[in-house]
Amino acid sequence: MPNNESNKKRVKQTATKRARNKTYKTRFRNVTKSLLIAIEEKQDLESVNSKLVEAYSTLDKAAKKGIIHKNQASRRKARLNAKVKNYAESL
């Protein structure tokens, strides 16, 4: 346990930030997973594209908040876009 006041405050701040980061990470992982499931289940292209837009939004928000690096968000978006593009061509 921390011994002085500044360390006690730091422990509380870290716990708050960890909880906030966890919600954003969970959110973009779930949105990404729902997009990939939609592609696997061969849903219509319109719903897949709407899920792609939602995934872009959540990844951009996570990058903006500093949860993930902006390059990681860009890489994830590029890979998702490639999968959707490949899926659209296969239809």
PDB file of N, CA and C in Angstrom:
ATOM      1  N   MET A   1       0.835  -1.186   0.000  1.00  0.00           N
ATOM      2  CA  MET A   1       0.000   0.000   0.000  1.00  0.00           C
ATOM      3  C   MET A   1       0.880   1.249   0.000  1.00  0.00           C
ATOM      4  N   PRO A   2       0.356   2.330  -0.581  1.00  0.00           N
ATOM      5  CA  PRO A   2       1.129   3.568  -0.621  1.00  0.00           C
ATOM      6  C   PRO A   2       1.251   4.194   0.772  1.00  0.00           C
ATOM      7  N   ASN A   3       2.366   4.874   0.972  1.00  0.00           N
ATOM      8  CA  ASN A   3       2.652   5.431   2.294  1.00  0.00           C
ATOM      9  C   ASN A   3       2.328   6.905   2.419  1.00  0.00           C
ATOM     10  N   ASN A   4       2.399   7.663   1.334  1.00  0.00           N
ATOM     11  CA  ASN A   4       2.107   9.087   1.462  1.00  0.00           C
ATOM     12  C   ASN A   4       0.918   9.492   0.600  1.00  0.00           C
ATOM     13  N   GLU A   5       0.465  10.723   0.768  1.00  0.00           N
ATOM     14  CA  GLU A   5      -0.778  11.182   0.135  1.00  0.00           C
ATOM     15  C   GLU A   5      -0.698  11.182  -1.386  1.00  0.00           C
ATOM     16  N   SER A   6       0.431  11.595  -1.947  1.00  0.00           N
ATOM     17  CA  SER A   6       0.534  11.660  -3.404  1.00  0.00           C
ATOM     18  C   SER A   6       0.475  10.271  -4.023  1.00  0.00           C
ATOM     19  N   ASN A   7       1.042   9.291  -3.336  1.00  0.00           N
ATOM     20  CA  ASN A   7       0.969   7.915  -3.852  1.00  0.00           C
ATOM     21  C   ASN A   7      -0.438   7.349  -3.744  1.00  0.00           C
ATOM     22  N   LYS A   8      -1.150   7.714  -2.681  1.00  0.00           N
ATOM     23  CA  LYS A   8      -2.536   7.270  -2.547  1.00  0.00           C
ATOM     24  C   LYS A   8      -3.391   7.855  -3.662  1.00  0.00           C
ATOM     25  N   LYS A   9      -3.157   9.133  -3.965  1.00  0.00           N
ATOM     26  CA  LYS A   9      -3.900   9.779  -5.040  1.00  0.00           C
ATOM     27  C   LYS A   9      -3.572   9.129  -6.376  1.00  0.00           C
ATOM     28  N   ARG A  10      -2.315   8.813  -6.587  1.00  0.00           N
ATOM     29  CA  ARG A  10      -1.897   8.196  -7.845  1.00  0.00           C
ATOM     30  C   ARG A  10      -2.567   6.836  -8.040  1.00  0.00           C
ATOM     31  N   VAL A  11      -2.718   6.071  -6.977  1.00  0.00           N
ATOM     32  CA  VAL A  11      -3.382   4.766  -7.058  1.00  0.00           C
ATOM     33  C   VAL A  11      -4.824   4.942  -7.495  1.00  0.00           C
ATOM     34  N   LYS A  12      -5.508   5.949  -6.929  1.00  0.00           N
ATOM     35  CA  LYS A  12      -6.901   6.210  -7.303  1.00  0.00           C
ATOM     36  C   LYS A  12      -7.004   6.656  -8.759  1.00  0.00           C
ATOM     37  N   GLN A  13      -6.093   7.521  -9.178  1.00  0.00           N
ATOM     38  CA  GLN A  13      -6.119   8.009 -10.566  1.00  0.00           C
ATOM     39  C   GLN A  13      -5.875   6.871 -11.548  1.00  0.00           C
ATOM     40  N   THR A  14      -4.944   5.999 -11.217  1.00  0.00           N
ATOM     41  CA  THR A  14      -4.631   4.876 -12.089  1.00  0.00           C
ATOM     42  C   THR A  14      -5.824   3.942 -12.225  1.00  0.00           C
ATOM     43  N   ALA A  15      -6.508   3.694 -11.121  1.00  0.00           N
ATOM     44  CA  ALA A  15      -7.679   2.813 -11.167  1.00  0.00           C
ATOM     45  C   ALA A  15      -8.773   3.419 -12.047  1.00  0.00           C
ATOM     46  N   THR A  16      -8.975   4.728 -11.932  1.00  0.00           N
ATOM     47  CA  THR A  16      -9.991   5.403 -12.747  1.00  0.00           C
ATOM     48  C   THR A  16      -9.641   5.331 -14.222  1.00  0.00           C
ATOM     49  N   LYS A  17      -8.389   5.613 -14.545  1.00  0.00           N
ATOM     50  CA  LYS A  17      -7.959   5.590 -15.943  1.00  0.00           C
ATOM     51  C   LYS A  17      -8.017   4.177 -16.522  1.00  0.00           C
ATOM     52  N   ARG A  18      -7.657   3.179 -15.722  1.00  0.00           N
ATOM     53  CA  ARG A  18      -7.691   1.799 -16.187  1.00  0.00           C
ATOM     54  C   ARG A  18      -9.125   1.382 -16.510  1.00  0.00           C
ATOM     55  N   ALA A  19     -10.066   1.796 -15.677  1.00  0.00           N
ATOM     56  CA  ALA A  19     -11.477   1.459 -15.925  1.00  0.00           C
ATOM     57  C   ALA A  19     -11.972   2.145 -17.194  1.00  0.00           C
ATOM     58  N   ARG A  20     -11.596   3.399 -17.397  1.00  0.00           N
ATOM     59  CA  ARG A  20     -12.014   4.133 -18.590  1.00  0.00           C
ATOM     60  C   ARG A  20     -11.415   3.507 -19.840  1.00  0.00           C
ATOM     61  N   ASN A  21     -10.135   3.183 -19.789  1.00  0.00           N
ATOM     62  CA  ASN A  21      -9.476   2.566 -20.943  1.00  0.00           C
ATOM     63  C   ASN A  21     -10.100   1.218 -21.278  1.00  0.00           C
ATOM     64  N   LYS A  22     -10.458   0.478 -20.246  1.00  0.00           N
ATOM     65  CA  LYS A  22     -11.038  -0.849 -20.456  1.00  0.00           C
ATOM     66  C   LYS A  22     -12.359  -0.750 -21.206  1.00  0.00           C
ATOM     67  N   THR A  23     -13.182   0.251 -20.885  1.00  0.00           N
ATOM     68  CA  THR A  23     -14.465   0.381 -21.574  1.00  0.00           C
ATOM     69  C   THR A  23     -14.256   0.692 -23.051  1.00  0.00           C
ATOM     70  N   TYR A  24     -13.331   1.568 -23.374  1.00  0.00           N
ATOM     71  CA  TYR A  24     -13.082   1.905 -24.776  1.00  0.00           C
ATOM     72  C   TYR A  24     -12.510   0.718 -25.539  1.00  0.00           C
ATOM     73  N   LYS A  25     -11.579  -0.002 -24.920  1.00  0.00           N
ATOM     74  CA  LYS A  25     -10.995  -1.172 -25.580  1.00  0.00           C
ATOM     75  C   LYS A  25     -12.046  -2.243 -25.821  1.00  0.00           C
ATOM     76  N   THR A  26     -12.880  -2.492 -24.821  1.00  0.00           N
ATOM     77  CA  THR A  26     -13.939  -3.485 -24.971  1.00  0.00           C
ATOM     78  C   THR A  26     -14.891  -3.074 -26.081  1.00  0.00           C
ATOM     79  N   ARG A  27     -15.215  -1.780 -26.140  1.00  0.00           N
ATOM     80  CA  ARG A  27     -16.151  -1.296 -27.140  1.00  0.00           C
ATOM     81  C   ARG A  27     -15.620  -1.521 -28.547  1.00  0.00           C
ATOM     82  N   PHE A  28     -14.363  -1.135 -28.818  1.00  0.00           N
ATOM     83  CA  PHE A  28     -13.899  -1.299 -30.200  1.00  0.00           C
ATOM     84  C   PHE A  28     -13.625  -2.756 -30.541  1.00  0.00           C
ATOM     85  N   ARG A  29     -13.311  -3.575 -29.554  1.00  0.00           N
ATOM     86  CA  ARG A  29     -13.161  -5.009 -29.838  1.00  0.00           C
ATOM     87  C   ARG A  29     -14.501  -5.643 -30.184  1.00  0.00           C
ATOM     88  N   ASN A  30     -15.553  -5.267 -29.445  1.00  0.00           N
ATOM     89  CA  ASN A  30     -16.875  -5.822 -29.717  1.00  0.00           C
ATOM     90  C   ASN A  30     -17.399  -5.379 -31.078  1.00  0.00           C
ATOM     91  N   VAL A  31     -17.192  -4.124 -31.423  1.00  0.00           N
ATOM     92  CA  VAL A  31     -17.660  -3.621 -32.711  1.00  0.00           C
ATOM     93  C   VAL A  31     -16.913  -4.307 -33.847  1.00  0.00           C
ATOM     94  N   THR A  32     -15.615  -4.487 -33.679  1.00  0.00           N
ATOM     95  CA  THR A  32     -14.817  -5.175 -34.693  1.00  0.00           C
ATOM     96  C   THR A  32     -15.281  -6.618 -34.849  1.00  0.00           C
ATOM     97  N   LYS A  33     -15.537  -7.269 -33.721  1.00  0.00           N
ATOM     98  CA  LYS A  33     -15.979  -8.653 -33.765  1.00  0.00           C
ATOM     99  C   LYS A  33     -17.335  -8.782 -34.448  1.00  0.00           C
ATOM    100  N   SER A  34     -18.239  -7.841 -34.181  1.00  0.00           N
ATOM    101  CA  SER A  34     -19.559  -7.907 -34.821  1.00  0.00           C
ATOM    102  C   SER A  34     -19.443  -7.712 -36.327  1.00  0.00           C
ATOM    103  N   LEU A  35     -18.500  -6.884 -36.770  1.00  0.00           N
ATOM    104  CA  LEU A  35     -18.265  -6.704 -38.210  1.00  0.00           C
ATOM    105  C   LEU A  35     -17.749  -7.994 -38.830  1.00  0.00           C
ATOM    106  N   LEU A  36     -16.791  -8.622 -38.189  1.00  0.00           N
ATOM    107  CA  LEU A  36     -16.230  -9.861 -38.727  1.00  0.00           C
ATOM    108  C   LEU A  36     -17.264 -10.990 -38.738  1.00  0.00           C
ATOM    109  N   ILE A  37     -18.123 -11.028 -37.726  1.00  0.00           N
ATOM    110  CA  ILE A  37     -19.189 -12.033 -37.700  1.00  0.00           C
ATOM    111  C   ILE A  37     -20.180 -11.779 -38.827  1.00  0.00           C
ATOM    112  N   ALA A  38     -20.479 -10.505 -39.083  1.00  0.00           N
ATOM    113  CA  ALA A  38     -21.401 -10.164 -40.175  1.00  0.00           C
ATOM    114  C   ALA A  38     -20.839 -10.622 -41.514  1.00  0.00           C
ATOM    115  N   ILE A  39     -19.531 -10.497 -41.684  1.00  0.00           N
ATOM    116  CA  ILE A  39     -18.893 -10.953 -42.924  1.00  0.00           C
ATOM    117  C   ILE A  39     -18.949 -12.479 -43.006  1.00  0.00           C
ATOM    118  N   GLU A  40     -18.670 -13.150 -41.892  1.00  0.00           N
ATOM    119  CA  GLU A  40     -18.709 -14.617 -41.869  1.00  0.00           C
ATOM    120  C   GLU A  40     -20.093 -15.150 -42.190  1.00  0.00           C
ATOM    121  N   GLU A  41     -21.119 -14.494 -41.653  1.00  0.00           N
ATOM    122  CA  GLU A  41     -22.489 -14.953 -41.854  1.00  0.00           C
ATOM    123  C   GLU A  41     -23.065 -14.494 -43.187  1.00  0.00           C
ATOM    124  N   LYS A  42     -22.253 -13.811 -43.963  1.00  0.00           N
ATOM    125  CA  LYS A  42     -22.641 -13.344 -45.302  1.00  0.00           C
ATOM    126  C   LYS A  42     -23.914 -12.501 -45.270  1.00  0.00           C
ATOM    127  N   GLN A  43     -23.908 -11.504 -44.362  1.00  0.00           N
ATOM    128  CA  GLN A  43     -25.023 -10.572 -44.298  1.00  0.00           C
ATOM    129  C   GLN A  43     -24.969  -9.636 -45.508  1.00  0.00           C
ATOM    130  N   ASP A  44     -26.057  -8.861 -45.687  1.00  0.00           N
ATOM    131  CA  ASP A  44     -26.076  -7.980 -46.853  1.00  0.00           C
ATOM    132  C   ASP A  44     -25.023  -6.874 -46.717  1.00  0.00           C
ATOM    133  N   LEU A  45     -24.599  -6.361 -47.848  1.00  0.00           N
ATOM    134  CA  LEU A  45     -23.495  -5.416 -47.905  1.00  0.00           C
ATOM    135  C   LEU A  45     -23.811  -4.121 -47.175  1.00  0.00           C
ATOM    136  N   GLU A  46     -25.072  -3.729 -47.167  1.00  0.00           N
ATOM    137  CA  GLU A  46     -25.456  -2.481 -46.509  1.00  0.00           C
ATOM    138  C   GLU A  46     -25.207  -2.548 -45.003  1.00  0.00           C
ATOM    139  N   SER A  47     -25.567  -3.647 -44.370  1.00  0.00           N
ATOM    140  CA  SER A  47     -25.353  -3.781 -42.932  1.00  0.00           C
ATOM    141  C   SER A  47     -23.860  -3.912 -42.611  1.00  0.00           C
ATOM    142  N   VAL A  48     -23.122  -4.581 -43.493  1.00  0.00           N
ATOM    143  CA  VAL A  48     -21.671  -4.706 -43.280  1.00  0.00           C
ATOM    144  C   VAL A  48     -21.014  -3.331 -43.362  1.00  0.00           C
ATOM    145  N   ASN A  49     -21.439  -2.524 -44.335  1.00  0.00           N
ATOM    146  CA  ASN A  49     -20.870  -1.181 -44.462  1.00  0.00           C
ATOM    147  C   ASN A  49     -21.223  -0.301 -43.274  1.00  0.00           C
ATOM    148  N   SER A  50     -22.432  -0.428 -42.739  1.00  0.00           N
ATOM    149  CA  SER A  50     -22.801   0.362 -41.565  1.00  0.00           C
ATOM    150  C   SER A  50     -21.977  -0.054 -40.349  1.00  0.00           C
ATOM    151  N   LYS A  51     -21.692  -1.351 -40.240  1.00  0.00           N
ATOM    152  CA  LYS A  51     -20.843  -1.820 -39.137  1.00  0.00           C
ATOM    153  C   LYS A  51     -19.397  -1.348 -39.315  1.00  0.00           C
ATOM    154  N   LEU A  52     -18.961  -1.235 -40.573  1.00  0.00           N
ATOM    155  CA  LEU A  52     -17.617  -0.722 -40.835  1.00  0.00           C
ATOM    156  C   LEU A  52     -17.508   0.741 -40.404  1.00  0.00           C
ATOM    157  N   VAL A  53     -18.514   1.524 -40.694  1.00  0.00           N
ATOM    158  CA  VAL A  53     -18.522   2.934 -40.283  1.00  0.00           C
ATOM    159  C   VAL A  53     -18.496   3.039 -38.762  1.00  0.00           C
ATOM    160  N   GLU A  54     -19.250   2.192 -38.098  1.00  0.00           N
ATOM    161  CA  GLU A  54     -19.266   2.187 -36.632  1.00  0.00           C
ATOM    162  C   GLU A  54     -17.898   1.788 -36.074  1.00  0.00           C
ATOM    163  N   ALA A  55     -17.254   0.827 -36.711  1.00  0.00           N
ATOM    164  CA  ALA A  55     -15.919   0.404 -36.272  1.00  0.00           C
ATOM    165  C   ALA A  55     -14.913   1.533 -36.451  1.00  0.00           C
ATOM    166  N   TYR A  56     -15.000   2.240 -37.593  1.00  0.00           N
ATOM    167  CA  TYR A  56     -14.120   3.389 -37.820  1.00  0.00           C
ATOM    168  C   TYR A  56     -14.291   4.414 -36.703  1.00  0.00           C
ATOM    169  N   SER A  57     -15.534   4.691 -36.371  1.00  0.00           N
ATOM    170  CA  SER A  57     -15.823   5.696 -35.360  1.00  0.00           C
ATOM    171  C   SER A  57     -15.252   5.316 -34.001  1.00  0.00           C
ATOM    172  N   THR A  58     -15.461   4.080 -33.591  1.00  0.00           N
ATOM    173  CA  THR A  58     -14.980   3.664 -32.277  1.00  0.00           C
ATOM    174  C   THR A  58     -13.452   3.617 -32.228  1.00  0.00           C
ATOM    175  N   LEU A  59     -12.829   3.199 -33.319  1.00  0.00           N
ATOM    176  CA  LEU A  59     -11.365   3.182 -33.345  1.00  0.00           C
ATOM    177  C   LEU A  59     -10.798   4.602 -33.304  1.00  0.00           C
ATOM    178  N   ASP A  60     -11.431   5.518 -34.027  1.00  0.00           N
ATOM    179  CA  ASP A  60     -10.973   6.908 -34.010  1.00  0.00           C
ATOM    180  C   ASP A  60     -11.132   7.531 -32.626  1.00  0.00           C
ATOM    181  N   LYS A  61     -12.231   7.213 -31.959  1.00  0.00           N
ATOM    182  CA  LYS A  61     -12.439   7.739 -30.606  1.00  0.00           C
ATOM    183  C   LYS A  61     -11.387   7.191 -29.646  1.00  0.00           C
ATOM    184  N   ALA A  62     -11.079   5.906 -29.773  1.00  0.00           N
ATOM    185  CA  ALA A  62     -10.068   5.302 -28.891  1.00  0.00           C
ATOM    186  C   ALA A  62      -8.702   5.935 -29.140  1.00  0.00           C
ATOM    187  N   ALA A  63      -8.397   6.220 -30.401  1.00  0.00           N
ATOM    188  CA  ALA A  63      -7.109   6.848 -30.721  1.00  0.00           C
ATOM    189  C   ALA A  63      -7.080   8.280 -30.211  1.00  0.00           C
ATOM    190  N   LYS A  64      -8.186   8.967 -30.333  1.00  0.00           N
ATOM    191  CA  LYS A  64      -8.261  10.358 -29.885  1.00  0.00           C
ATOM    192  C   LYS A  64      -8.076  10.458 -28.377  1.00  0.00           C
ATOM    193  N   LYS A  65      -8.625   9.494 -27.645  1.00  0.00           N
ATOM    194  CA  LYS A  65      -8.514   9.493 -26.186  1.00  0.00           C
ATOM    195  C   LYS A  65      -7.157   8.980 -25.710  1.00  0.00           C
ATOM    196  N   GLY A  66      -6.349   8.427 -26.623  1.00  0.00           N
ATOM    197  CA  GLY A  66      -5.042   7.921 -26.237  1.00  0.00           C
ATOM    198  C   GLY A  66      -5.075   6.496 -25.743  1.00  0.00           C
ATOM    199  N   ILE A  67      -6.178   5.797 -25.972  1.00  0.00           N
ATOM    200  CA  ILE A  67      -6.280   4.409 -25.531  1.00  0.00           C
ATOM    201  C   ILE A  67      -5.373   3.540 -26.394  1.00  0.00           C
ATOM    202  N   ILE A  68      -5.394   3.786 -27.705  1.00  0.00           N
ATOM    203  CA  ILE A  68      -4.472   3.125 -28.625  1.00  0.00           C
ATOM    204  C   ILE A  68      -3.779   4.200 -29.439  1.00  0.00           C
ATOM    205  N   HIS A  69      -2.659   3.856 -30.024  1.00  0.00           N
ATOM    206  CA  HIS A  69      -1.908   4.803 -30.843  1.00  0.00           C
ATOM    207  C   HIS A  69      -2.640   5.047 -32.154  1.00  0.00           C
ATOM    208  N   LYS A  70      -2.486   6.243 -32.702  1.00  0.00           N
ATOM    209  CA  LYS A  70      -3.202   6.581 -33.939  1.00  0.00           C
ATOM    210  C   LYS A  70      -2.796   5.678 -35.092  1.00  0.00           C
ATOM    211  N   ASN A  71      -1.543   5.239 -35.123  1.00  0.00           N
ATOM    212  CA  ASN A  71      -1.115   4.333 -36.186  1.00  0.00           C
ATOM    213  C   ASN A  71      -1.755   2.957 -36.038  1.00  0.00           C
ATOM    214  N   GLN A  72      -1.943   2.527 -34.803  1.00  0.00           N
ATOM    215  CA  GLN A  72      -2.619   1.247 -34.583  1.00  0.00           C
ATOM    216  C   GLN A  72      -4.069   1.329 -35.040  1.00  0.00           C
ATOM    217  N   ALA A  73      -4.718   2.453 -34.763  1.00  0.00           N
ATOM    218  CA  ALA A  73      -6.103   2.634 -35.211  1.00  0.00           C
ATOM    219  C   ALA A  73      -6.157   2.621 -36.736  1.00  0.00           C
ATOM    220  N   SER A  74      -5.212   3.289 -37.366  1.00  0.00           N
ATOM    221  CA  SER A  74      -5.166   3.337 -38.824  1.00  0.00           C
ATOM    222  C   SER A  74      -4.934   1.949 -39.410  1.00  0.00           C
ATOM    223  N   ARG A  75      -4.046   1.191 -38.804  1.00  0.00           N
ATOM    224  CA  ARG A  75      -3.750  -0.162 -39.283  1.00  0.00           C
ATOM    225  C   ARG A  75      -4.974  -1.065 -39.155  1.00  0.00           C
ATOM    226  N   ARG A  76      -5.658  -0.976 -38.023  1.00  0.00           N
ATOM    227  CA  ARG A  76      -6.853  -1.790 -37.820  1.00  0.00           C
ATOM    228  C   ARG A  76      -7.944  -1.431 -38.818  1.00  0.00           C
ATOM    229  N   LYS A  77      -8.117  -0.125 -39.072  1.00  0.00           N
ATOM    230  CA  LYS A  77      -9.130   0.310 -40.032  1.00  0.00           C
ATOM    231  C   LYS A  77      -8.789  -0.175 -41.427  1.00  0.00           C
ATOM    232  N   ALA A  78      -7.515  -0.140 -41.802  1.00  0.00           N
ATOM    233  CA  ALA A  78      -7.105  -0.597 -43.132  1.00  0.00           C
ATOM    234  C   ALA A  78      -7.373  -2.088 -43.302  1.00  0.00           C
ATOM    235  N   ARG A  79      -7.096  -2.852 -42.274  1.00  0.00           N
ATOM    236  CA  ARG A  79      -7.322  -4.293 -42.357  1.00  0.00           C
ATOM    237  C   ARG A  79      -8.810  -4.624 -42.433  1.00  0.00           C
ATOM    238  N   LEU A  80      -9.614  -3.902 -41.663  1.00  0.00           N
ATOM    239  CA  LEU A  80     -11.061  -4.124 -41.725  1.00  0.00           C
ATOM    240  C   LEU A  80     -11.602  -3.741 -43.101  1.00  0.00           C
ATOM    241  N   ASN A  81     -11.121  -2.613 -43.615  1.00  0.00           N
ATOM    242  CA  ASN A  81     -11.567  -2.168 -44.935  1.00  0.00           C
ATOM    243  C   ASN A  81     -11.194  -3.185 -46.000  1.00  0.00           C
ATOM    244  N   ALA A  82     -10.012  -3.766 -45.906  1.00  0.00           N
ATOM    245  CA  ALA A  82      -9.582  -4.775 -46.882  1.00  0.00           C
ATOM    246  C   ALA A  82     -10.497  -6.000 -46.823  1.00  0.00           C
ATOM    247  N   LYS A  83     -10.892  -6.396 -45.622  1.00  0.00           N
ATOM    248  CA  LYS A  83     -11.782  -7.555 -45.489  1.00  0.00           C
ATOM    249  C   LYS A  83     -13.156  -7.259 -46.072  1.00  0.00           C
ATOM    250  N   VAL A  84     -13.657  -6.056 -45.827  1.00  0.00           N
ATOM    251  CA  VAL A  84     -14.970  -5.689 -46.370  1.00  0.00           C
ATOM    252  C   VAL A  84     -14.906  -5.595 -47.885  1.00  0.00           C
ATOM    253  N   LYS A  85     -13.826  -5.027 -48.389  1.00  0.00           N
ATOM    254  CA  LYS A  85     -13.659  -4.905 -49.843  1.00  0.00           C
ATOM    255  C   LYS A  85     -13.594  -6.282 -50.499  1.00  0.00           C
ATOM    256  N   ASN A  86     -12.844  -7.194 -49.893  1.00  0.00           N
ATOM    257  CA  ASN A  86     -12.746  -8.556 -50.387  1.00  0.00           C
ATOM    258  C   ASN A  86     -14.109  -9.244 -50.349  1.00  0.00           C
ATOM    259  N   TYR A  87     -14.860  -9.007 -49.279  1.00  0.00           N
ATOM    260  CA  TYR A  87     -16.205  -9.579 -49.140  1.00  0.00           C
ATOM    261  C   TYR A  87     -17.140  -9.029 -50.218  1.00  0.00           C
ATOM    262  N   ALA A  88     -17.060  -7.737 -50.487  1.00  0.00           N
ATOM    263  CA  ALA A  88     -17.931  -7.114 -51.490  1.00  0.00           C
ATOM    264  C   ALA A  88     -17.628  -7.675 -52.887  1.00  0.00           C
ATOM    265  N   GLU A  89     -16.366  -7.926 -53.169  1.00  0.00           N
ATOM    266  CA  GLU A  89     -15.999  -8.476 -54.477  1.00  0.00           C
ATOM    267  C   GLU A  89     -16.456  -9.926 -54.628  1.00  0.00           C
ATOM    268  N   SER A  90     -16.549 -10.638 -53.519  1.00  0.00           N
ATOM    269  CA  SER A  90     -16.951 -12.049 -53.584  1.00  0.00           C
ATOM    270  C   SER A  90     -18.457 -12.222 -53.796  1.00  0.00           C
ATOM    271  N   LEU A  91     -19.212 -11.148 -53.578  1.00  0.00           N
ATOM    272  CA  LEU A  91     -20.681 -11.250 -53.740  1.00  0.00           C
ATOM    273  C   LEU A  91     -21.095 -11.271 -55.170  1.00  0.00           C
TER     274      LEU A  91
END
